[in-house]
Amino acid sequence: MYAVGLVLNQVLNVSHGDAGWITWTVTLLSLITMIAFAAVLLPHLQQQGDRSDSAHENDGS
């Protein structure tokens, strides 16, 4: 994520010229990528959380 920020910063610095559309393209692509990562990772993390919760319940019984 830090690397994405650095790239966006470079693109934003360039966008003061004629390359403003590149800024929007990169920003949109990075947002889509982050949303895709979230869509893939969040259910996976929630499943792990459910598993650990059920494991704790089993330990208690």
N, C-alpha and C. Protein backbone atom coordinates (compact mmCIF):
# COMPACT_ATOMS: atom_id res chain seq x y z
N MET A 1 0.83 -1.20 0.00
CA MET A 1 0.00 0.00 0.00
C MET A 1 0.88 1.26 0.00
N TYR A 2 2.01 1.18 0.71
CA TYR A 2 2.93 2.33 0.75
C TYR A 2 3.47 2.62 -0.65
N ALA A 3 3.78 1.54 -1.38
CA ALA A 3 4.29 1.72 -2.74
C ALA A 3 3.24 2.39 -3.63
N VAL A 4 1.97 2.00 -3.46
CA VAL A 4 0.89 2.62 -4.24
C VAL A 4 0.84 4.12 -3.95
N GLY A 5 1.02 4.47 -2.66
CA GLY A 5 1.00 5.88 -2.29
C GLY A 5 2.14 6.65 -2.96
N LEU A 6 3.33 6.03 -2.99
CA LEU A 6 4.47 6.69 -3.64
C LEU A 6 4.21 6.89 -5.13
N VAL A 7 3.66 5.86 -5.78
CA VAL A 7 3.37 5.97 -7.21
C VAL A 7 2.33 7.06 -7.45
N LEU A 8 1.28 7.07 -6.63
CA LEU A 8 0.25 8.10 -6.79
C LEU A 8 0.84 9.49 -6.59
N ASN A 9 1.74 9.62 -5.62
CA ASN A 9 2.37 10.92 -5.37
C ASN A 9 3.15 11.37 -6.59
N GLN A 10 3.91 10.47 -7.21
CA GLN A 10 4.66 10.81 -8.42
C GLN A 10 3.72 11.22 -9.54
N VAL A 11 2.64 10.46 -9.72
CA VAL A 11 1.69 10.76 -10.79
C VAL A 11 1.02 12.10 -10.54
N LEU A 12 0.69 12.37 -9.27
CA LEU A 12 0.05 13.66 -8.97
C LEU A 12 1.00 14.81 -9.26
N ASN A 13 2.29 14.61 -8.98
CA ASN A 13 3.27 15.66 -9.29
C ASN A 13 3.34 15.89 -10.80
N VAL A 14 3.24 14.81 -11.58
CA VAL A 14 3.29 14.93 -13.04
C VAL A 14 2.02 15.58 -13.57
N SER A 15 0.89 15.37 -12.89
CA SER A 15 -0.41 15.75 -13.44
C SER A 15 -0.58 17.25 -13.57
N HIS A 16 0.33 18.03 -13.00
CA HIS A 16 0.24 19.47 -13.18
C HIS A 16 0.50 19.86 -14.63
N GLY A 17 1.11 18.93 -15.40
CA GLY A 17 1.29 19.15 -16.83
C GLY A 17 0.05 18.73 -17.60
N ASP A 18 0.26 18.06 -18.74
CA ASP A 18 -0.86 17.66 -19.59
C ASP A 18 -1.37 16.26 -19.28
N ALA A 19 -0.84 15.62 -18.23
CA ALA A 19 -1.12 14.20 -17.99
C ALA A 19 -2.14 14.00 -16.88
N GLY A 20 -3.10 14.91 -16.73
CA GLY A 20 -4.10 14.78 -15.67
C GLY A 20 -4.90 13.49 -15.77
N TRP A 21 -5.15 13.03 -17.00
CA TRP A 21 -5.94 11.81 -17.18
C TRP A 21 -5.21 10.60 -16.62
N ILE A 22 -3.88 10.63 -16.62
CA ILE A 22 -3.12 9.51 -16.04
C ILE A 22 -3.42 9.42 -14.55
N THR A 23 -3.50 10.57 -13.88
CA THR A 23 -3.80 10.58 -12.45
C THR A 23 -5.12 9.88 -12.19
N TRP A 24 -6.15 10.24 -12.96
CA TRP A 24 -7.47 9.64 -12.75
C TRP A 24 -7.43 8.15 -13.05
N THR A 25 -6.72 7.76 -14.12
CA THR A 25 -6.65 6.35 -14.48
C THR A 25 -5.97 5.55 -13.38
N VAL A 26 -4.83 6.03 -12.91
CA VAL A 26 -4.09 5.31 -11.86
C VAL A 26 -4.89 5.27 -10.57
N THR A 27 -5.54 6.40 -10.23
CA THR A 27 -6.33 6.45 -9.00
C THR A 27 -7.48 5.45 -9.07
N LEU A 28 -8.19 5.43 -10.19
CA LEU A 28 -9.30 4.50 -10.34
C LEU A 28 -8.82 3.05 -10.29
N LEU A 29 -7.71 2.76 -10.98
CA LEU A 29 -7.19 1.40 -10.98
C LEU A 29 -6.77 0.98 -9.58
N SER A 30 -6.13 1.87 -8.84
CA SER A 30 -5.69 1.52 -7.49
C SER A 30 -6.90 1.33 -6.57
N LEU A 31 -7.93 2.15 -6.74
CA LEU A 31 -9.14 1.97 -5.93
C LEU A 31 -9.80 0.63 -6.25
N ILE A 32 -9.91 0.31 -7.54
CA ILE A 32 -10.51 -0.97 -7.95
C ILE A 32 -9.70 -2.12 -7.39
N THR A 33 -8.37 -2.00 -7.43
CA THR A 33 -7.50 -3.05 -6.90
C THR A 33 -7.72 -3.22 -5.41
N MET A 34 -7.79 -2.12 -4.66
CA MET A 34 -7.99 -2.20 -3.21
C MET A 34 -9.35 -2.81 -2.89
N ILE A 35 -10.38 -2.43 -3.65
CA ILE A 35 -11.72 -3.00 -3.42
C ILE A 35 -11.70 -4.49 -3.71
N ALA A 36 -11.00 -4.88 -4.78
CA ALA A 36 -10.92 -6.30 -5.12
C ALA A 36 -10.21 -7.07 -4.01
N PHE A 37 -9.08 -6.53 -3.50
CA PHE A 37 -8.37 -7.16 -2.40
C PHE A 37 -9.29 -7.30 -1.19
N ALA A 38 -10.02 -6.24 -0.87
CA ALA A 38 -10.92 -6.28 0.28
C ALA A 38 -12.00 -7.34 0.08
N ALA A 39 -12.55 -7.41 -1.13
CA ALA A 39 -13.61 -8.39 -1.41
C ALA A 39 -13.09 -9.82 -1.26
N VAL A 40 -11.81 -10.02 -1.61
CA VAL A 40 -11.24 -11.37 -1.51
C VAL A 40 -10.80 -11.67 -0.08
N LEU A 41 -10.17 -10.69 0.57
CA LEU A 41 -9.54 -10.94 1.87
C LEU A 41 -10.54 -10.92 3.02
N LEU A 42 -11.51 -10.02 2.99
CA LEU A 42 -12.41 -9.90 4.14
C LEU A 42 -13.19 -11.18 4.43
N PRO A 43 -13.81 -11.83 3.45
CA PRO A 43 -14.49 -13.09 3.75
C PRO A 43 -13.53 -14.14 4.29
N HIS A 44 -12.30 -14.17 3.78
CA HIS A 44 -11.31 -15.13 4.23
C HIS A 44 -10.97 -14.87 5.71
N LEU A 45 -10.79 -13.60 6.06
CA LEU A 45 -10.46 -13.26 7.44
C LEU A 45 -11.65 -13.56 8.36
N GLN A 46 -12.86 -13.30 7.89
CA GLN A 46 -14.04 -13.58 8.69
C GLN A 46 -14.17 -15.09 8.93
N GLN A 47 -13.86 -15.90 7.93
CA GLN A 47 -13.91 -17.35 8.11
C GLN A 47 -12.91 -17.79 9.16
N GLN A 48 -11.71 -17.23 9.13
CA GLN A 48 -10.71 -17.57 10.14
C GLN A 48 -11.21 -17.17 11.52
N GLY A 49 -11.84 -16.01 11.62
CA GLY A 49 -12.38 -15.56 12.90
C GLY A 49 -13.47 -16.50 13.39
N ASP A 50 -14.34 -16.95 12.49
CA ASP A 50 -15.40 -17.89 12.89
C ASP A 50 -14.78 -19.19 13.38
N ARG A 51 -13.75 -19.64 12.70
CA ARG A 51 -13.11 -20.89 13.11
C ARG A 51 -12.51 -20.76 14.50
N SER A 52 -11.84 -19.65 14.78
CA SER A 52 -11.21 -19.48 16.09
C SER A 52 -12.29 -19.35 17.16
N ASP A 53 -13.42 -18.71 16.84
CA ASP A 53 -14.50 -18.60 17.81
C ASP A 53 -15.05 -19.99 18.16
N SER A 54 -15.28 -20.81 17.14
CA SER A 54 -15.83 -22.14 17.40
C SER A 54 -14.82 -22.99 18.16
N ALA A 55 -13.52 -22.78 17.91
CA ALA A 55 -12.49 -23.52 18.63
C ALA A 55 -12.54 -23.15 20.11
N HIS A 56 -12.74 -21.87 20.41
CA HIS A 56 -12.80 -21.45 21.81
C HIS A 56 -14.03 -22.05 22.48
N GLU A 57 -15.14 -22.11 21.75
CA GLU A 57 -16.35 -22.69 22.33
C GLU A 57 -16.13 -24.16 22.63
N ASN A 58 -15.43 -24.86 21.73
CA ASN A 58 -15.16 -26.28 21.95
C ASN A 58 -14.26 -26.47 23.16
N ASP A 59 -13.30 -25.58 23.37
CA ASP A 59 -12.42 -25.68 24.54
C ASP A 59 -13.22 -25.51 25.82
N GLY A 60 -14.21 -24.64 25.78
CA GLY A 60 -14.98 -24.37 27.00
C GLY A 60 -15.88 -25.52 27.39
N SER A 61 -16.30 -26.34 26.43
CA SER A 61 -17.26 -27.39 26.74
C SER A 61 -16.61 -28.66 27.26
